[in-house]
């Protein structure tokens, strides 16, 4: 069985990562593709926040 490696993020590292992605901003001119992209970013950030960010 292959060894599984899990990496955790400190809250300040996660905050820096989150600051480097655009905030969600859906308007009447946003295409479905753009909205899906923004939703995908937010989904990944939530997964990281809930499962990989730890405080010591």
Protein backbone atom coordinates (compact mmCIF):
# COMPACT_ATOMS: atom_id res chain seq x y z
CA UNK A 1 0.00 0.00 0.00
CA UNK A 2 1.33 3.42 -0.95
CA UNK A 3 2.05 5.87 1.85
CA UNK A 4 -0.46 8.73 2.03
CA UNK A 5 0.93 12.20 2.70
CA UNK A 6 -1.38 14.89 4.12
CA UNK A 7 -0.34 18.52 4.20
CA UNK A 8 -1.94 20.97 6.60
CA UNK A 9 -2.13 24.75 6.22
CA UNK A 10 -1.59 27.29 8.95
CA UNK A 11 -4.41 29.87 9.02
CA UNK A 12 -2.09 32.67 7.87
CA UNK A 13 -0.90 30.60 4.90
CA UNK A 14 -4.51 29.87 3.93
CA UNK A 15 -5.37 33.58 4.25
CA UNK A 16 -2.50 34.44 1.90
CA UNK A 17 -3.74 31.86 -0.61
CA UNK A 18 -7.30 33.17 -0.40
CA UNK A 19 -6.06 36.74 -0.93
CA UNK A 20 -4.50 35.67 -4.25
CA UNK A 21 -7.73 34.47 -5.86
CA UNK A 22 -10.44 36.78 -7.13
CA UNK A 23 -13.50 37.21 -4.90
CA UNK A 24 -16.79 35.90 -6.28
CA UNK A 25 -18.55 38.61 -8.27
CA UNK A 26 -21.52 37.52 -10.38
CA UNK A 27 -23.38 40.21 -12.30
CA UNK A 28 -25.89 40.28 -15.13
CA UNK A 29 -23.01 40.17 -17.63
CA UNK A 30 -21.31 37.13 -16.07
CA UNK A 31 -21.36 34.10 -18.36
CA UNK A 32 -22.27 30.62 -17.14
CA UNK A 33 -18.64 29.58 -17.61
CA UNK A 34 -17.36 32.50 -15.51
CA UNK A 35 -19.93 31.78 -12.78
CA UNK A 36 -18.93 28.11 -12.76
CA UNK A 37 -15.26 29.04 -12.48
CA UNK A 38 -15.97 31.34 -9.53
CA UNK A 39 -18.10 28.66 -7.86
CA UNK A 40 -15.29 26.14 -8.35
CA UNK A 41 -12.77 28.45 -6.67
CA UNK A 42 -15.08 28.93 -3.69
CA UNK A 43 -15.72 25.18 -3.45
CA UNK A 44 -12.00 24.39 -3.34
CA UNK A 45 -11.33 27.14 -0.78
CA UNK A 46 -14.10 25.73 1.45
CA UNK A 47 -12.67 22.21 1.18
CA UNK A 48 -9.23 23.51 2.15
CA UNK A 49 -10.65 25.64 4.97
CA UNK A 50 -12.73 22.76 6.42
CA UNK A 51 -10.27 19.92 5.99
CA UNK A 52 -6.72 21.20 5.81
CA UNK A 53 -6.41 24.39 7.87
CA UNK A 54 -5.26 23.85 11.45
CA UNK A 55 -4.45 26.11 14.38
CA UNK A 56 -1.71 25.07 16.74
